[in-house]
Amino acid sequence: MKIHLVPAAAGLVLLTGVGVATADQVIVTPEQQTVIREYVDRHPLASISLLGVELNIGSTVPETVELHPIDVPDVQYRYVVVDDRTVLVDPGTRRIVQVID
């Protein structure tokens, strides 16, 4: 009986790890993307340059960068324009969640 529990427990741990990994991913629905793009187009910002910061999902935006709210229901992210590219940022972690081209 104990022999069967070890693989089952290991499988449960693996499944739990996968669940945690996917919970960390940010999903912006196509509908939200459309509304966000429309909002950003209506509220343009001047582009800034950030030396040493790559515009990749998961990169951190420095505290010195002002993040602008997106006044759209059900969207918790902020945005900033870096090198002429609009970037969605999680205001709590300041991590880039999406780069809008």
PDB file of N, CA and C in Angstrom:
ATOM      1  N   MET A   1       0.819  -1.196   0.000  1.00  0.00           N
ATOM      2  CA  MET A   1       0.000   0.000   0.000  1.00  0.00           C
ATOM      3  C   MET A   1       0.866   1.266   0.000  1.00  0.00           C
ATOM      4  N   LYS A   2       1.914   1.295   0.833  1.00  0.00           N
ATOM      5  CA  LYS A   2       2.786   2.463   0.908  1.00  0.00           C
ATOM      6  C   LYS A   2       3.487   2.714  -0.417  1.00  0.00           C
ATOM      7  N   ILE A   3       3.789   1.654  -1.154  1.00  0.00           N
ATOM      8  CA  ILE A   3       4.485   1.793  -2.427  1.00  0.00           C
ATOM      9  C   ILE A   3       3.614   2.550  -3.424  1.00  0.00           C
ATOM     10  N   HIS A   4       2.321   2.359  -3.395  1.00  0.00           N
ATOM     11  CA  HIS A   4       1.413   3.040  -4.314  1.00  0.00           C
ATOM     12  C   HIS A   4       1.178   4.498  -3.930  1.00  0.00           C
ATOM     13  N   LEU A   5       1.329   4.810  -2.659  1.00  0.00           N
ATOM     14  CA  LEU A   5       1.091   6.183  -2.208  1.00  0.00           C
ATOM     15  C   LEU A   5       2.224   7.129  -2.611  1.00  0.00           C
ATOM     16  N   VAL A   6       3.432   6.645  -2.675  1.00  0.00           N
ATOM     17  CA  VAL A   6       4.564   7.504  -3.010  1.00  0.00           C
ATOM     18  C   VAL A   6       4.424   8.061  -4.425  1.00  0.00           C
ATOM     19  N   PRO A   7       4.187   7.220  -5.467  1.00  0.00           N
ATOM     20  CA  PRO A   7       4.003   7.804  -6.806  1.00  0.00           C
ATOM     21  C   PRO A   7       2.783   8.722  -6.883  1.00  0.00           C
ATOM     22  N   ALA A   8       1.734   8.372  -6.167  1.00  0.00           N
ATOM     23  CA  ALA A   8       0.536   9.211  -6.181  1.00  0.00           C
ATOM     24  C   ALA A   8       0.836  10.569  -5.545  1.00  0.00           C
ATOM     25  N   ALA A   9       1.568  10.578  -4.448  1.00  0.00           N
ATOM     26  CA  ALA A   9       1.929  11.835  -3.796  1.00  0.00           C
ATOM     27  C   ALA A   9       2.852  12.657  -4.693  1.00  0.00           C
ATOM     28  N   ALA A  10       3.799  11.992  -5.356  1.00  0.00           N
ATOM     29  CA  ALA A  10       4.701  12.693  -6.265  1.00  0.00           C
ATOM     30  C   ALA A  10       3.926  13.306  -7.425  1.00  0.00           C
ATOM     31  N   GLY A  11       2.963  12.570  -7.943  1.00  0.00           N
ATOM     32  CA  GLY A  11       2.132  13.091  -9.027  1.00  0.00           C
ATOM     33  C   GLY A  11       1.323  14.289  -8.580  1.00  0.00           C
ATOM     34  N   LEU A  12       0.810  14.231  -7.367  1.00  0.00           N
ATOM     35  CA  LEU A  12       0.039  15.348  -6.827  1.00  0.00           C
ATOM     36  C   LEU A  12       0.922  16.587  -6.670  1.00  0.00           C
ATOM     37  N   VAL A  13       2.146  16.390  -6.210  1.00  0.00           N
ATOM     38  CA  VAL A  13       3.068  17.517  -6.066  1.00  0.00           C
ATOM     39  C   VAL A  13       3.367  18.123  -7.431  1.00  0.00           C
ATOM     40  N   LEU A  14       3.588  17.290  -8.439  1.00  0.00           N
ATOM     41  CA  LEU A  14       3.851  17.797  -9.786  1.00  0.00           C
ATOM     42  C   LEU A  14       2.659  18.570 -10.326  1.00  0.00           C
ATOM     43  N   LEU A  15       1.463  18.043 -10.128  1.00  0.00           N
ATOM     44  CA  LEU A  15       0.269  18.742 -10.605  1.00  0.00           C
ATOM     45  C   LEU A  15       0.090  20.071  -9.893  1.00  0.00           C
ATOM     46  N   THR A  16       0.370  20.096  -8.613  1.00  0.00           N
ATOM     47  CA  THR A  16       0.262  21.334  -7.849  1.00  0.00           C
ATOM     48  C   THR A  16       1.267  22.351  -8.363  1.00  0.00           C
ATOM     49  N   GLY A  17       2.489  21.920  -8.661  1.00  0.00           N
ATOM     50  CA  GLY A  17       3.508  22.816  -9.202  1.00  0.00           C
ATOM     51  C   GLY A  17       3.086  23.396 -10.529  1.00  0.00           C
ATOM     52  N   VAL A  18       2.471  22.593 -11.391  1.00  0.00           N
ATOM     53  CA  VAL A  18       2.004  23.078 -12.680  1.00  0.00           C
ATOM     54  C   VAL A  18       0.912  24.111 -12.475  1.00  0.00           C
ATOM     55  N   GLY A  19       0.037  23.872 -11.512  1.00  0.00           N
ATOM     56  CA  GLY A  19      -1.032  24.821 -11.222  1.00  0.00           C
ATOM     57  C   GLY A  19      -0.487  26.160 -10.761  1.00  0.00           C
ATOM     58  N   VAL A  20       0.549  26.136  -9.947  1.00  0.00           N
ATOM     59  CA  VAL A  20       1.155  27.371  -9.469  1.00  0.00           C
ATOM     60  C   VAL A  20       1.814  28.109 -10.624  1.00  0.00           C
ATOM     61  N   ALA A  21       2.480  27.382 -11.505  1.00  0.00           N
ATOM     62  CA  ALA A  21       3.157  28.024 -12.635  1.00  0.00           C
ATOM     63  C   ALA A  21       2.156  28.702 -13.550  1.00  0.00           C
ATOM     64  N   THR A  22       1.032  28.062 -13.822  1.00  0.00           N
ATOM     65  CA  THR A  22       0.061  28.667 -14.720  1.00  0.00           C
ATOM     66  C   THR A  22      -0.699  29.794 -14.039  1.00  0.00           C
ATOM     67  N   ALA A  23      -0.818  29.742 -12.724  1.00  0.00           N
ATOM     68  CA  ALA A  23      -1.505  30.822 -12.013  1.00  0.00           C
ATOM     69  C   ALA A  23      -0.699  32.112 -12.081  1.00  0.00           C
ATOM     70  N   ASP A  24       0.631  32.010 -12.272  1.00  0.00           N
ATOM     71  CA  ASP A  24       1.486  33.184 -12.346  1.00  0.00           C
ATOM     72  C   ASP A  24       1.407  33.865 -13.711  1.00  0.00           C
ATOM     73  N   GLN A  25       0.898  33.157 -14.723  1.00  0.00           N
ATOM     74  CA  GLN A  25       0.785  33.733 -16.053  1.00  0.00           C
ATOM     75  C   GLN A  25      -0.375  34.719 -16.098  1.00  0.00           C
ATOM     76  N   VAL A  26      -0.182  35.762 -16.867  1.00  0.00           N
ATOM     77  CA  VAL A  26      -1.213  36.777 -17.008  1.00  0.00           C
ATOM     78  C   VAL A  26      -1.912  36.561 -18.340  1.00  0.00           C
ATOM     79  N   ILE A  27      -3.214  36.543 -18.289  1.00  0.00           N
ATOM     80  CA  ILE A  27      -3.980  36.364 -19.519  1.00  0.00           C
ATOM     81  C   ILE A  27      -4.859  37.590 -19.705  1.00  0.00           C
ATOM     82  N   VAL A  28      -4.631  38.271 -20.804  1.00  0.00           N
ATOM     83  CA  VAL A  28      -5.468  39.404 -21.177  1.00  0.00           C
ATOM     84  C   VAL A  28      -6.340  38.901 -22.323  1.00  0.00           C
ATOM     85  N   THR A  29      -7.626  38.891 -22.104  1.00  0.00           N
ATOM     86  CA  THR A  29      -8.539  38.343 -23.106  1.00  0.00           C
ATOM     87  C   THR A  29      -8.529  39.210 -24.366  1.00  0.00           C
ATOM     88  N   PRO A  30      -8.904  38.630 -25.501  1.00  0.00           N
ATOM     89  CA  PRO A  30      -8.980  39.428 -26.735  1.00  0.00           C
ATOM     90  C   PRO A  30      -9.893  40.642 -26.597  1.00  0.00           C
ATOM     91  N   GLU A  31     -10.988  40.493 -25.856  1.00  0.00           N
ATOM     92  CA  GLU A  31     -11.899  41.615 -25.653  1.00  0.00           C
ATOM     93  C   GLU A  31     -11.213  42.725 -24.865  1.00  0.00           C
ATOM     94  N   GLN A  32     -10.464  42.341 -23.813  1.00  0.00           N
ATOM     95  CA  GLN A  32      -9.741  43.325 -23.023  1.00  0.00           C
ATOM     96  C   GLN A  32      -8.663  44.007 -23.869  1.00  0.00           C
ATOM     97  N   GLN A  33      -7.971  43.222 -24.705  1.00  0.00           N
ATOM     98  CA  GLN A  33      -6.937  43.795 -25.566  1.00  0.00           C
ATOM     99  C   GLN A  33      -7.519  44.867 -26.476  1.00  0.00           C
ATOM    100  N   THR A  34      -8.683  44.587 -27.038  1.00  0.00           N
ATOM    101  CA  THR A  34      -9.328  45.558 -27.928  1.00  0.00           C
ATOM    102  C   THR A  34      -9.671  46.837 -27.174  1.00  0.00           C
ATOM    103  N   VAL A  35     -10.260  46.692 -26.004  1.00  0.00           N
ATOM    104  CA  VAL A  35     -10.656  47.860 -25.205  1.00  0.00           C
ATOM    105  C   VAL A  35      -9.422  48.631 -24.741  1.00  0.00           C
ATOM    106  N   ILE A  36      -8.373  47.918 -24.351  1.00  0.00           N
ATOM    107  CA  ILE A  36      -7.143  48.571 -23.899  1.00  0.00           C
ATOM    108  C   ILE A  36      -6.511  49.346 -25.052  1.00  0.00           C
ATOM    109  N   ARG A  37      -6.437  48.739 -26.233  1.00  0.00           N
ATOM    110  CA  ARG A  37      -5.862  49.440 -27.392  1.00  0.00           C
ATOM    111  C   ARG A  37      -6.646  50.695 -27.735  1.00  0.00           C
ATOM    112  N   GLU A  38      -7.971  50.604 -27.682  1.00  0.00           N
ATOM    113  CA  GLU A  38      -8.795  51.780 -27.960  1.00  0.00           C
ATOM    114  C   GLU A  38      -8.531  52.876 -26.929  1.00  0.00           C
ATOM    115  N   TYR A  39      -8.427  52.495 -25.662  1.00  0.00           N
ATOM    116  CA  TYR A  39      -8.168  53.464 -24.601  1.00  0.00           C
ATOM    117  C   TYR A  39      -6.807  54.128 -24.802  1.00  0.00           C
ATOM    118  N   VAL A  40      -5.787  53.317 -25.069  1.00  0.00           N
ATOM    119  CA  VAL A  40      -4.432  53.839 -25.254  1.00  0.00           C
ATOM    120  C   VAL A  40      -4.363  54.757 -26.472  1.00  0.00           C
ATOM    121  N   ASP A  41      -5.086  54.413 -27.536  1.00  0.00           N
ATOM    122  CA  ASP A  41      -5.119  55.275 -28.727  1.00  0.00           C
ATOM    123  C   ASP A  41      -5.758  56.627 -28.425  1.00  0.00           C
ATOM    124  N   ARG A  42      -6.778  56.635 -27.565  1.00  0.00           N
ATOM    125  CA  ARG A  42      -7.460  57.884 -27.206  1.00  0.00           C
ATOM    126  C   ARG A  42      -6.684  58.702 -26.177  1.00  0.00           C
ATOM    127  N   HIS A  43      -5.762  58.029 -25.446  1.00  0.00           N
ATOM    128  CA  HIS A  43      -4.999  58.693 -24.390  1.00  0.00           C
ATOM    129  C   HIS A  43      -3.495  58.459 -24.614  1.00  0.00           C
ATOM    130  N   PRO A  44      -2.951  59.041 -25.675  1.00  0.00           N
ATOM    131  CA  PRO A  44      -1.539  58.798 -25.991  1.00  0.00           C
ATOM    132  C   PRO A  44      -0.605  59.421 -24.954  1.00  0.00           C
ATOM    133  N   LEU A  45       0.528  58.773 -24.767  1.00  0.00           N
ATOM    134  CA  LEU A  45       1.558  59.258 -23.858  1.00  0.00           C
ATOM    135  C   LEU A  45       2.841  59.496 -24.644  1.00  0.00           C
ATOM    136  N   ALA A  46       3.671  60.362 -24.141  1.00  0.00           N
ATOM    137  CA  ALA A  46       4.993  60.551 -24.737  1.00  0.00           C
ATOM    138  C   ALA A  46       5.832  59.317 -24.442  1.00  0.00           C
ATOM    139  N   SER A  47       6.593  58.908 -25.430  1.00  0.00           N
ATOM    140  CA  SER A  47       7.447  57.741 -25.275  1.00  0.00           C
ATOM    141  C   SER A  47       8.675  58.094 -24.437  1.00  0.00           C
ATOM    142  N   ILE A  48       9.065  57.168 -23.571  1.00  0.00           N
ATOM    143  CA  ILE A  48      10.274  57.347 -22.774  1.00  0.00           C
ATOM    144  C   ILE A  48      11.284  56.284 -23.178  1.00  0.00           C
ATOM    145  N   SER A  49      12.508  56.495 -22.799  1.00  0.00           N
ATOM    146  CA  SER A  49      13.571  55.531 -23.072  1.00  0.00           C
ATOM    147  C   SER A  49      14.086  55.009 -21.740  1.00  0.00           C
ATOM    148  N   LEU A  50      14.225  53.692 -21.650  1.00  0.00           N
ATOM    149  CA  LEU A  50      14.740  53.076 -20.428  1.00  0.00           C
ATOM    150  C   LEU A  50      16.002  52.292 -20.764  1.00  0.00           C
ATOM    151  N   LEU A  51      17.121  52.858 -20.424  1.00  0.00           N
ATOM    152  CA  LEU A  51      18.379  52.177 -20.683  1.00  0.00           C
ATOM    153  C   LEU A  51      18.518  50.980 -19.738  1.00  0.00           C
ATOM    154  N   GLY A  52      18.886  49.852 -20.291  1.00  0.00           N
ATOM    155  CA  GLY A  52      19.119  48.663 -19.482  1.00  0.00           C
ATOM    156  C   GLY A  52      17.881  47.855 -19.175  1.00  0.00           C
ATOM    157  N   VAL A  53      16.707  48.265 -19.654  1.00  0.00           N
ATOM    158  CA  VAL A  53      15.476  47.517 -19.415  1.00  0.00           C
ATOM    159  C   VAL A  53      15.000  46.927 -20.735  1.00  0.00           C
ATOM    160  N   GLU A  54      14.905  45.609 -20.772  1.00  0.00           N
ATOM    161  CA  GLU A  54      14.401  44.952 -21.968  1.00  0.00           C
ATOM    162  C   GLU A  54      12.882  44.879 -21.878  1.00  0.00           C
ATOM    163  N   LEU A  55      12.229  45.114 -22.986  1.00  0.00           N
ATOM    164  CA  LEU A  55      10.763  45.080 -23.000  1.00  0.00           C
ATOM    165  C   LEU A  55      10.284  43.648 -23.208  1.00  0.00           C
ATOM    166  N   ASN A  56      10.463  42.847 -22.184  1.00  0.00           N
ATOM    167  CA  ASN A  56      10.013  41.459 -22.206  1.00  0.00           C
ATOM    168  C   ASN A  56       8.986  41.251 -21.108  1.00  0.00           C
ATOM    169  N   ILE A  57       8.090  40.326 -21.333  1.00  0.00           N
ATOM    170  CA  ILE A  57       7.133  39.981 -20.292  1.00  0.00           C
ATOM    171  C   ILE A  57       7.909  39.466 -19.085  1.00  0.00           C
ATOM    172  N   GLY A  58       7.616  40.025 -17.937  1.00  0.00           N
ATOM    173  CA  GLY A  58       8.298  39.646 -16.710  1.00  0.00           C
ATOM    174  C   GLY A  58       9.391  40.617 -16.299  1.00  0.00           C
ATOM    175  N   SER A  59       9.844  41.464 -17.230  1.00  0.00           N
ATOM    176  CA  SER A  59      10.842  42.480 -16.873  1.00  0.00           C
ATOM    177  C   SER A  59      10.216  43.491 -15.924  1.00  0.00           C
ATOM    178  N   THR A  60      11.024  44.082 -15.079  1.00  0.00           N
ATOM    179  CA  THR A  60      10.540  45.041 -14.098  1.00  0.00           C
ATOM    180  C   THR A  60      10.797  46.465 -14.564  1.00  0.00           C
ATOM    181  N   VAL A  61       9.781  47.286 -14.430  1.00  0.00           N
ATOM    182  CA  VAL A  61       9.882  48.705 -14.767  1.00  0.00           C
ATOM    183  C   VAL A  61      10.353  49.436 -13.511  1.00  0.00           C
ATOM    184  N   PRO A  62      11.361  50.299 -13.628  1.00  0.00           N
ATOM    185  CA  PRO A  62      11.888  51.009 -12.446  1.00  0.00           C
ATOM    186  C   PRO A  62      10.820  51.855 -11.740  1.00  0.00           C
ATOM    187  N   GLU A  63      11.033  52.053 -10.449  1.00  0.00           N
ATOM    188  CA  GLU A  63      10.118  52.846  -9.622  1.00  0.00           C
ATOM    189  C   GLU A  63      10.021  54.290 -10.108  1.00  0.00           C
ATOM    190  N   THR A  64      11.026  54.771 -10.799  1.00  0.00           N
ATOM    191  CA  THR A  64      11.041  56.160 -11.257  1.00  0.00           C
ATOM    192  C   THR A  64      10.104  56.407 -12.437  1.00  0.00           C
ATOM    193  N   VAL A  65       9.593  55.340 -13.042  1.00  0.00           N
ATOM    194  CA  VAL A  65       8.709  55.466 -14.203  1.00  0.00           C
ATOM    195  C   VAL A  65       7.270  55.614 -13.717  1.00  0.00           C
ATOM    196  N   GLU A  66       6.596  56.653 -14.188  1.00  0.00           N
ATOM    197  CA  GLU A  66       5.196  56.867 -13.828  1.00  0.00           C
ATOM    198  C   GLU A  66       4.309  55.931 -14.647  1.00  0.00           C
ATOM    199  N   LEU A  67       3.495  55.145 -13.955  1.00  0.00           N
ATOM    200  CA  LEU A  67       2.551  54.244 -14.610  1.00  0.00           C
ATOM    201  C   LEU A  67       1.196  54.937 -14.673  1.00  0.00           C
ATOM    202  N   HIS A  68       0.538  54.842 -15.812  1.00  0.00           N
ATOM    203  CA  HIS A  68      -0.732  55.534 -16.012  1.00  0.00           C
ATOM    204  C   HIS A  68      -1.892  54.537 -15.961  1.00  0.00           C
ATOM    205  N   PRO A  69      -2.958  54.894 -15.241  1.00  0.00           N
ATOM    206  CA  PRO A  69      -4.103  53.983 -15.133  1.00  0.00           C
ATOM    207  C   PRO A  69      -4.847  53.834 -16.451  1.00  0.00           C
ATOM    208  N   ILE A  70      -5.475  52.688 -16.602  1.00  0.00           N
ATOM    209  CA  ILE A  70      -6.343  52.431 -17.744  1.00  0.00           C
ATOM    210  C   ILE A  70      -7.753  52.426 -17.200  1.00  0.00           C
ATOM    211  N   ASP A  71      -8.516  53.440 -17.546  1.00  0.00           N
ATOM    212  CA  ASP A  71      -9.860  53.613 -17.002  1.00  0.00           C
ATOM    213  C   ASP A  71     -10.855  52.741 -17.773  1.00  0.00           C
ATOM    214  N   VAL A  72     -10.715  51.434 -17.577  1.00  0.00           N
ATOM    215  CA  VAL A  72     -11.548  50.444 -18.250  1.00  0.00           C
ATOM    216  C   VAL A  72     -11.965  49.420 -17.197  1.00  0.00           C
ATOM    217  N   PRO A  73     -13.236  49.034 -17.156  1.00  0.00           N
ATOM    218  CA  PRO A  73     -13.673  48.045 -16.164  1.00  0.00           C
ATOM    219  C   PRO A  73     -12.901  46.731 -16.295  1.00  0.00           C
ATOM    220  N   ASP A  74     -12.614  46.110 -15.168  1.00  0.00           N
ATOM    221  CA  ASP A  74     -11.976  44.799 -15.079  1.00  0.00           C
ATOM    222  C   ASP A  74     -10.538  44.767 -15.582  1.00  0.00           C
ATOM    223  N   VAL A  75      -9.887  45.903 -15.702  1.00  0.00           N
ATOM    224  CA  VAL A  75      -8.478  45.936 -16.087  1.00  0.00           C
ATOM    225  C   VAL A  75      -7.709  46.572 -14.940  1.00  0.00           C
ATOM    226  N   GLN A  76      -6.827  45.789 -14.329  1.00  0.00           N
ATOM    227  CA  GLN A  76      -6.082  46.255 -13.158  1.00  0.00           C
ATOM    228  C   GLN A  76      -4.717  46.816 -13.518  1.00  0.00           C
ATOM    229  N   TYR A  77      -4.321  46.696 -14.760  1.00  0.00           N
ATOM    230  CA  TYR A  77      -2.974  47.074 -15.163  1.00  0.00           C
ATOM    231  C   TYR A  77      -2.851  48.566 -15.438  1.00  0.00           C
ATOM    232  N   ARG A  78      -1.615  49.023 -15.466  1.00  0.00           N
ATOM    233  CA  ARG A  78      -1.282  50.394 -15.829  1.00  0.00           C
ATOM    234  C   ARG A  78      -0.482  50.324 -17.123  1.00  0.00           C
ATOM    235  N   TYR A  79      -0.274  51.477 -17.744  1.00  0.00           N
ATOM    236  CA  TYR A  79       0.499  51.458 -18.977  1.00  0.00           C
ATOM    237  C   TYR A  79       1.494  52.593 -19.036  1.00  0.00           C
ATOM    238  N   VAL A  80       2.488  52.396 -19.892  1.00  0.00           N
ATOM    239  CA  VAL A  80       3.518  53.378 -20.155  1.00  0.00           C
ATOM    240  C   VAL A  80       4.016  53.098 -21.571  1.00  0.00           C
ATOM    241  N   VAL A  81       4.509  54.122 -22.242  1.00  0.00           N
ATOM    242  CA  VAL A  81       5.046  53.946 -23.585  1.00  0.00           C
ATOM    243  C   VAL A  81       6.569  54.035 -23.505  1.00  0.00           C
ATOM    244  N   VAL A  82       7.216  52.947 -23.883  1.00  0.00           N
ATOM    245  CA  VAL A  82       8.669  52.853 -23.839  1.00  0.00           C
ATOM    246  C   VAL A  82       9.164  52.562 -25.250  1.00  0.00           C
ATOM    247  N   ASP A  83      10.056  53.403 -25.749  1.00  0.00           N
ATOM    248  CA  ASP A  83      10.603  53.223 -27.098  1.00  0.00           C
ATOM    249  C   ASP A  83       9.489  53.021 -28.135  1.00  0.00           C
ATOM    250  N   ASP A  84       8.459  53.848 -28.031  1.00  0.00           N
ATOM    251  CA  ASP A  84       7.310  53.836 -28.940  1.00  0.00           C
ATOM    252  C   ASP A  84       6.493  52.549 -28.900  1.00  0.00           C
ATOM    253  N   ARG A  85       6.611  51.802 -27.830  1.00  0.00           N
ATOM    254  CA  ARG A  85       5.815  50.589 -27.654  1.00  0.00           C
ATOM    255  C   ARG A  85       5.040  50.702 -26.346  1.00  0.00           C
ATOM    256  N   THR A  86       3.746  50.416 -26.413  1.00  0.00           N
ATOM    257  CA  THR A  86       2.911  50.485 -25.218  1.00  0.00           C
ATOM    258  C   THR A  86       3.106  49.220 -24.403  1.00  0.00           C
ATOM    259  N   VAL A  87       3.322  49.403 -23.111  1.00  0.00           N
ATOM    260  CA  VAL A  87       3.623  48.299 -22.212  1.00  0.00           C
ATOM    261  C   VAL A  87       2.591  48.277 -21.090  1.00  0.00           C
ATOM    262  N   LEU A  88       1.978  47.117 -20.869  1.00  0.00           N
ATOM    263  CA  LEU A  88       1.073  46.940 -19.728  1.00  0.00           C
ATOM    264  C   LEU A  88       1.891  46.447 -18.545  1.00  0.00           C
ATOM    265  N   VAL A  89       1.649  47.053 -17.390  1.00  0.00           N
ATOM    266  CA  VAL A  89       2.450  46.752 -16.208  1.00  0.00           C
ATOM    267  C   VAL A  89       1.527  46.438 -15.041  1.00  0.00           C
ATOM    268  N   ASP A  90       1.888  45.414 -14.267  1.00  0.00           N
ATOM    269  CA  ASP A  90       1.181  45.114 -13.025  1.00  0.00           C
ATOM    270  C   ASP A  90       1.669  46.133 -11.998  1.00  0.00           C
ATOM    271  N   PRO A  91       0.782  47.001 -11.488  1.00  0.00           N
ATOM    272  CA  PRO A  91       1.239  48.067 -10.589  1.00  0.00           C
ATOM    273  C   PRO A  91       1.784  47.551  -9.257  1.00  0.00           C
ATOM    274  N   GLY A  92       1.354  46.375  -8.842  1.00  0.00           N
ATOM    275  CA  GLY A  92       1.837  45.832  -7.569  1.00  0.00           C
ATOM    276  C   GLY A  92       3.271  45.343  -7.639  1.00  0.00           C
ATOM    277  N   THR A  93       3.636  44.718  -8.741  1.00  0.00           N
ATOM    278  CA  THR A  93       4.976  44.156  -8.891  1.00  0.00           C
ATOM    279  C   THR A  93       5.847  44.961  -9.838  1.00  0.00           C
ATOM    280  N   ARG A  94       5.211  45.841 -10.633  1.00  0.00           N
ATOM    281  CA  ARG A  94       5.871  46.640 -11.673  1.00  0.00           C
ATOM    282  C   ARG A  94       6.472  45.760 -12.763  1.00  0.00           C
ATOM    283  N   ARG A  95       5.955  44.550 -12.886  1.00  0.00           N
ATOM    284  CA  ARG A  95       6.407  43.643 -13.936  1.00  0.00           C
ATOM    285  C   ARG A  95       5.583  43.849 -15.197  1.00  0.00           C
ATOM    286  N   ILE A  96       6.254  43.772 -16.343  1.00  0.00           N
ATOM    287  CA  ILE A  96       5.567  43.889 -17.632  1.00  0.00           C
ATOM    288  C   ILE A  96       4.743  42.628 -17.858  1.00  0.00           C
ATOM    289  N   VAL A  97       3.456  42.822 -18.152  1.00  0.00           N
ATOM    290  CA  VAL A  97       2.579  41.678 -18.407  1.00  0.00           C
ATOM    291  C   VAL A  97       2.247  41.517 -19.882  1.00  0.00           C
ATOM    292  N   GLN A  98       2.404  42.606 -20.633  1.00  0.00           N
ATOM    293  CA  GLN A  98       2.149  42.530 -22.082  1.00  0.00           C
ATOM    294  C   GLN A  98       2.768  43.739 -22.763  1.00  0.00           C
ATOM    295  N   VAL A  99       3.298  43.479 -23.956  1.00  0.00           N
ATOM    296  CA  VAL A  99       3.820  44.548 -24.809  1.00  0.00           C
ATOM    297  C   VAL A  99       2.894  44.636 -26.000  1.00  0.00           C
ATOM    298  N   ILE A 100       2.302  45.816 -26.195  1.00  0.00           N
ATOM    299  CA  ILE A 100       1.362  46.022 -27.292  1.00  0.00           C
ATOM    300  C   ILE A 100       2.096  46.721 -28.423  1.00  0.00           C
ATOM    301  N   ASP A 101       2.146  46.096 -29.567  1.00  0.00           N
ATOM    302  CA  ASP A 101       2.831  46.694 -30.722  1.00  0.00           C
ATOM    303  C   ASP A 101       1.881  47.512 -31.544  1.00  0.00           C
TER     304      ASP A 101
END
